Amino acid sequence: MVEDVSNKDLKGDISSETVKAERFSPEEEASLLHESNAQKSDANKLFTSSRYSEAIGEYDKALSSCPNYLEYEIAVLKSNISACHLKLEDWKAAVESATAALDALERLQPTKAKKSTGPSEDDKDGAVVEIEGDGEEAERELAELRLGDERKVAIKRIRAKALMRRAKGKMEQDGWGNLVGAEEDYKELLGMADLPIQDQKIVRAALATLPSRISAAKDKEMGEMMGKLKELGNGILKPFGLSTDMFKMNKDPSTGGYNMSFDQGK
């Protein structure tokens, strides 16, 4: 399912750490958002009609209309594009779009550890906030706090969707690196509160099968790499009447180290 976001979800979306970009006037921004939202609505309809390639085109138009400093709106669009690519079984493109969505959310609300002299935003979540105004001013401050809480919930929801889509794309691409990446995403999802039950089942099922798949993929790729190195080595040694088969690696049981021996044979 793709996401549809109204303008109210975007209020307060710009953090002090968002990449600096030229901002439009309030009137221009509202006009661009209206255009972007209309194009996104058209794309959502195409998606529900299983016209995924056309939906991607409309989502791209919505991205072009959207101010490039509105990270949340961009993340939603990129995540929706990832959903389209999954339907089209274009796993690489799905991973790329989901990663772009996660990058936008990371700029908006960082999750990675960093040095700080003061409390983090997450530390402030459970803190008591004092309302300083009276009357209408107090109501305005309370409304802003509610919007902030709604925004955080929305960001977590989109982050979970993007992680699910990226993990799915990586699993389908297969390969050692992709499978390790999928496992990392699923582990992050497993630690998320309020993850839908259906998604929890998918995550747990994936984590149950991934270790054996990762091990098999690692062995396969290591074997292929060693085969290529052996081929390269034989190409270098052949003019001298030698081959890599003449060099043996013997493990020393007492030290656990390896010694190389040369066996020219007969």
Protein backbone atom coordinates (compact mmCIF):
# COMPACT_ATOMS: atom_id res chain seq x y z
CA MET A 1 0.00 0.00 0.00
CA VAL A 2 1.31 3.43 -0.91
CA GLU A 3 1.08 6.49 1.31
CA ASP A 4 -0.99 9.62 0.84
CA VAL A 5 -0.05 12.63 2.96
CA SER A 6 -1.96 15.86 3.43
CA ASN A 7 -0.33 19.25 3.86
CA LYS A 8 -0.93 19.27 7.60
CA ASP A 9 1.48 16.34 7.98
CA LEU A 10 4.25 18.55 6.64
CA LYS A 11 4.08 21.32 9.23
CA GLY A 12 7.25 21.52 11.25
CA ASP A 13 8.99 18.96 9.06
CA ILE A 14 12.16 20.99 8.61
CA SER A 15 14.79 20.34 11.29
CA SER A 16 17.80 22.57 11.86
CA GLU A 17 19.99 19.82 10.39
CA THR A 18 18.10 19.47 7.10
CA VAL A 19 20.31 20.17 4.11
CA LYS A 20 20.11 23.87 3.43
CA ALA A 21 18.06 24.75 0.38
CA GLU A 22 16.53 27.87 -1.03
CA ARG A 23 13.07 28.27 0.43
CA PHE A 24 10.04 29.51 -1.42
CA SER A 25 7.64 32.10 -0.09
CA PRO A 26 4.66 30.64 1.81
CA GLU A 27 2.41 31.31 -1.19
CA GLU A 28 4.80 29.67 -3.67
CA GLU A 29 5.36 26.70 -1.38
CA ALA A 30 1.62 26.16 -0.93
CA SER A 31 1.12 26.27 -4.70
CA LEU A 32 3.92 23.77 -5.34
CA LEU A 33 2.62 21.45 -2.64
CA HIS A 34 -0.87 21.61 -4.10
CA GLU A 35 0.52 20.62 -7.51
CA SER A 36 2.69 17.87 -6.03
CA ASN A 37 -0.16 16.44 -3.96
CA ALA A 38 -2.45 16.40 -7.01
CA GLN A 39 0.16 14.47 -9.00
CA LYS A 40 0.72 12.11 -6.07
CA SER A 41 -3.03 11.46 -5.89
CA ASP A 42 -3.04 10.56 -9.59
CA ALA A 43 -0.06 8.25 -9.01
CA ASN A 44 -1.83 6.54 -6.09
CA LYS A 45 -4.82 5.81 -8.33
CA LEU A 46 -2.54 4.32 -10.97
CA PHE A 47 -0.90 2.16 -8.31
CA THR A 48 -4.22 0.78 -7.07
CA SER A 49 -5.06 0.02 -10.71
CA SER A 50 -1.83 -2.03 -11.00
CA ARG A 51 -0.39 0.45 -13.53
CA TYR A 52 2.92 0.58 -11.74
CA SER A 53 5.18 1.96 -14.48
CA GLU A 54 2.76 4.83 -15.10
CA ALA A 55 2.52 5.43 -11.35
CA ILE A 56 6.30 5.83 -11.16
CA GLY A 57 6.11 8.51 -13.84
CA GLU A 58 3.49 10.45 -11.87
CA TYR A 59 5.41 10.10 -8.60
CA ASP A 60 8.46 11.49 -10.41
CA LYS A 61 6.38 14.48 -11.50
CA ALA A 62 5.26 14.97 -7.90
CA LEU A 63 8.91 14.92 -6.80
CA SER A 64 9.77 17.56 -9.40
CA SER A 65 6.99 19.83 -8.09
CA CYS A 66 7.81 19.30 -4.42
CA PRO A 67 10.21 21.80 -2.77
CA ASN A 68 13.46 19.91 -2.26
CA TYR A 69 13.74 20.88 1.42
CA LEU A 70 10.51 19.10 2.44
CA GLU A 71 12.20 15.85 3.40
CA TYR A 72 9.11 14.09 4.74
CA GLU A 73 7.10 14.59 1.57
CA ILE A 74 10.09 13.46 -0.50
CA ALA A 75 10.50 10.35 1.68
CA VAL A 76 6.86 9.40 1.16
CA LEU A 77 7.15 9.75 -2.61
CA LYS A 78 10.41 7.79 -2.76
CA SER A 79 8.93 5.04 -0.59
CA ASN A 80 5.89 4.84 -2.87
CA ILE A 81 8.17 4.58 -5.90
CA SER A 82 9.96 1.71 -4.15
CA ALA A 83 6.62 -0.05 -3.72
CA CYS A 84 6.02 0.27 -7.48
CA HIS A 85 9.42 -1.21 -8.30
CA LEU A 86 8.72 -4.16 -5.98
CA LYS A 87 5.51 -4.86 -7.87
CA LEU A 88 7.49 -4.74 -11.12
CA GLU A 89 10.15 -7.02 -9.55
CA ASP A 90 12.84 -4.45 -10.26
CA TRP A 91 14.62 -5.24 -7.02
CA LYS A 92 17.65 -2.98 -7.48
CA ALA A 93 15.52 0.09 -8.23
CA ALA A 94 13.27 -0.75 -5.27
CA VAL A 95 16.28 -0.80 -2.95
CA GLU A 96 17.60 2.48 -4.34
CA SER A 97 14.27 4.29 -3.92
CA ALA A 98 13.73 2.92 -0.41
CA THR A 99 17.26 4.00 0.55
CA ALA A 100 16.56 7.50 -0.79
CA ALA A 101 13.43 7.62 1.38
CA LEU A 102 15.38 6.53 4.46
CA ASP A 103 18.12 9.09 3.73
CA ALA A 104 15.52 11.87 3.59
CA LEU A 105 14.03 10.76 6.92
CA GLU A 106 17.50 10.55 8.44
CA ARG A 107 18.16 14.17 7.47
CA LEU A 108 14.82 15.12 8.97
CA GLN A 109 15.10 13.14 12.20
CA PRO A 110 18.53 11.52 12.70
CA THR A 111 18.62 8.07 14.29
CA LYS A 112 22.38 7.42 14.11
CA ALA A 113 24.43 8.05 17.23
CA LYS A 114 26.32 11.31 17.34
CA LYS A 115 28.14 13.51 19.81
CA SER A 116 25.95 16.04 21.56
CA THR A 117 26.36 18.45 24.44
CA GLY A 118 22.65 18.47 25.23
CA PRO A 119 19.73 16.04 25.36
CA SER A 120 18.69 14.43 22.09
CA GLU A 121 15.25 14.77 20.55
CA ASP A 122 14.43 11.23 21.71
CA ASP A 123 15.48 12.13 25.25
CA LYS A 124 13.08 15.05 25.12
CA ASP A 125 10.14 12.84 24.13
CA GLY A 126 9.41 11.80 27.68
CA ALA A 127 10.25 15.15 29.25
CA VAL A 128 7.69 17.49 30.78
CA VAL A 129 7.30 20.59 28.60
CA GLU A 130 6.25 23.81 30.30
CA ILE A 131 3.62 25.91 28.50
CA GLU A 132 4.60 29.52 29.02
CA GLY A 133 1.73 31.36 27.34
CA ASP A 134 -1.84 32.01 28.51
CA GLY A 135 -5.17 31.69 26.75
CA GLU A 136 -4.83 31.58 22.97
CA GLU A 137 -1.04 31.54 23.21
CA ALA A 138 -1.16 28.42 25.41
CA GLU A 139 -3.55 26.72 22.99
CA ARG A 140 -1.21 27.52 20.11
CA GLU A 141 1.79 26.03 21.96
CA LEU A 142 -0.20 22.87 22.78
CA ALA A 143 -1.26 22.56 19.15
CA GLU A 144 2.38 22.80 18.03
CA LEU A 145 3.36 20.06 20.49
CA ARG A 146 0.60 17.80 19.16
CA LEU A 147 1.76 18.43 15.59
CA GLY A 148 5.30 17.55 16.63
CA ASP A 149 4.14 14.25 18.15
CA GLU A 150 2.04 13.44 15.08
CA ARG A 151 5.03 14.14 12.86
CA LYS A 152 7.27 11.76 14.83
CA VAL A 153 4.68 9.00 14.59
CA ALA A 154 4.34 9.59 10.84
CA ILE A 155 8.13 9.52 10.36
CA LYS A 156 8.39 6.21 12.21
CA ARG A 157 5.61 4.74 10.08
CA ILE A 158 7.26 5.77 6.80
CA ARG A 159 10.67 4.62 8.03
CA ALA A 160 9.23 1.18 8.79
CA LYS A 161 7.61 0.95 5.36
CA ALA A 162 10.82 1.98 3.59
CA LEU A 163 12.86 -0.53 5.61
CA MET A 164 10.38 -3.32 4.78
CA ARG A 165 10.60 -2.47 1.09
CA ARG A 166 14.39 -2.21 1.05
CA ALA A 167 14.80 -5.49 2.93
CA LYS A 168 12.44 -7.23 0.51
CA GLY A 169 14.39 -5.90 -2.48
CA LYS A 170 17.71 -6.99 -1.00
CA MET A 171 16.44 -10.49 -0.23
CA GLU A 172 15.16 -10.91 -3.77
CA GLN A 173 18.46 -9.72 -5.26
CA ASP A 174 20.23 -12.41 -3.26
CA GLY A 175 24.01 -12.38 -2.88
CA TRP A 176 26.08 -12.24 0.30
CA GLY A 177 26.12 -8.45 0.70
CA ASN A 178 22.44 -8.00 -0.11
CA LEU A 179 21.37 -10.73 2.31
CA VAL A 180 23.48 -9.25 5.12
CA GLY A 181 21.89 -5.86 4.41
CA ALA A 182 18.41 -7.39 4.47
CA GLU A 183 19.15 -9.02 7.83
CA GLU A 184 20.29 -5.66 9.25
CA ASP A 185 17.08 -3.98 8.09
CA TYR A 186 14.88 -6.75 9.48
CA LYS A 187 16.69 -6.63 12.83
CA GLU A 188 16.04 -2.88 13.00
CA LEU A 189 12.39 -3.50 12.18
CA LEU A 190 12.14 -6.16 14.88
CA GLY A 191 13.14 -3.55 17.45
CA MET A 192 10.45 -1.08 16.36
CA ALA A 193 7.45 -0.57 18.59
CA ASP A 194 3.97 -0.63 17.03
CA LEU A 195 5.08 -2.56 13.94
CA PRO A 196 1.90 -4.07 12.39
CA ILE A 197 1.33 -7.74 13.23
CA GLN A 198 1.52 -8.80 9.59
CA ASP A 199 4.87 -7.04 9.18
CA GLN A 200 6.14 -8.65 12.40
CA LYS A 201 5.35 -12.09 10.94
CA ILE A 202 7.23 -11.25 7.73
CA VAL A 203 10.23 -9.96 9.70
CA ARG A 204 10.43 -13.01 11.98
CA ALA A 205 10.05 -15.42 9.07
CA ALA A 206 12.84 -13.66 7.16
CA LEU A 207 15.18 -13.62 10.15
CA ALA A 208 14.62 -17.35 10.62
CA THR A 209 15.81 -18.18 7.09
CA LEU A 210 18.46 -15.52 6.48
CA PRO A 211 21.39 -16.96 8.52
CA SER A 212 21.56 -20.16 6.42
CA ARG A 213 21.13 -18.19 3.18
CA ILE A 214 23.88 -15.76 4.19
CA SER A 215 26.23 -18.64 5.03
CA ALA A 216 25.56 -20.38 1.71
CA ALA A 217 25.98 -17.13 -0.25
CA LYS A 218 29.24 -16.36 1.57
CA ASP A 219 30.67 -19.80 0.82
CA LYS A 220 29.64 -19.55 -2.82
CA GLU A 221 31.14 -16.10 -3.34
CA MET A 222 34.33 -16.98 -1.46
CA GLY A 223 34.68 -20.10 -3.61
CA GLU A 224 34.17 -18.09 -6.78
CA MET A 225 36.70 -15.49 -5.63
CA MET A 226 39.31 -18.15 -4.84
CA GLY A 227 38.68 -19.74 -8.22
CA LYS A 228 39.34 -16.44 -9.98
CA LEU A 229 42.48 -15.84 -7.92
CA LYS A 230 43.70 -19.32 -8.77
CA GLU A 231 43.06 -18.71 -12.45
CA LEU A 232 44.97 -15.43 -12.28
CA GLY A 233 47.84 -17.07 -10.41
CA ASN A 234 48.09 -19.90 -12.93
CA GLY A 235 48.27 -17.35 -15.74
CA ILE A 236 51.25 -15.70 -14.06
CA LEU A 237 53.03 -18.95 -13.11
CA LYS A 238 52.49 -20.88 -16.37
CA PRO A 239 55.46 -19.32 -18.25
CA PHE A 240 57.71 -20.65 -15.48
CA GLY A 241 56.30 -24.18 -15.66
CA LEU A 242 54.51 -23.73 -12.33
CA SER A 243 50.91 -23.73 -11.12
CA THR A 244 49.08 -22.79 -7.96
CA ASP A 245 48.46 -26.50 -7.26
CA MET A 246 52.14 -26.78 -6.39
CA PHE A 247 51.71 -24.43 -3.44
CA LYS A 248 50.03 -25.93 -0.37
CA MET A 249 48.73 -24.14 2.71
CA ASN A 250 49.20 -26.33 5.80
CA LYS A 251 47.64 -25.43 9.13
CA ASP A 252 49.84 -25.73 12.20
CA PRO A 253 47.64 -27.39 14.88
CA SER A 254 49.79 -26.03 17.70
CA THR A 255 49.61 -22.38 16.70
CA GLY A 256 46.58 -22.23 14.41
CA GLY A 257 48.70 -20.47 11.82
CA TYR A 258 49.39 -21.52 8.25
CA ASN A 259 52.62 -22.45 6.49
CA MET A 260 53.10 -22.57 2.75
CA SER A 261 54.92 -25.49 1.20
CA PHE A 262 56.03 -26.05 -2.36
CA ASP A 263 55.47 -29.41 -4.01
CA GLN A 264 56.83 -29.61 -7.56
CA GLY A 265 55.61 -33.18 -7.97
CA LYS A 266 57.07 -35.58 -10.45
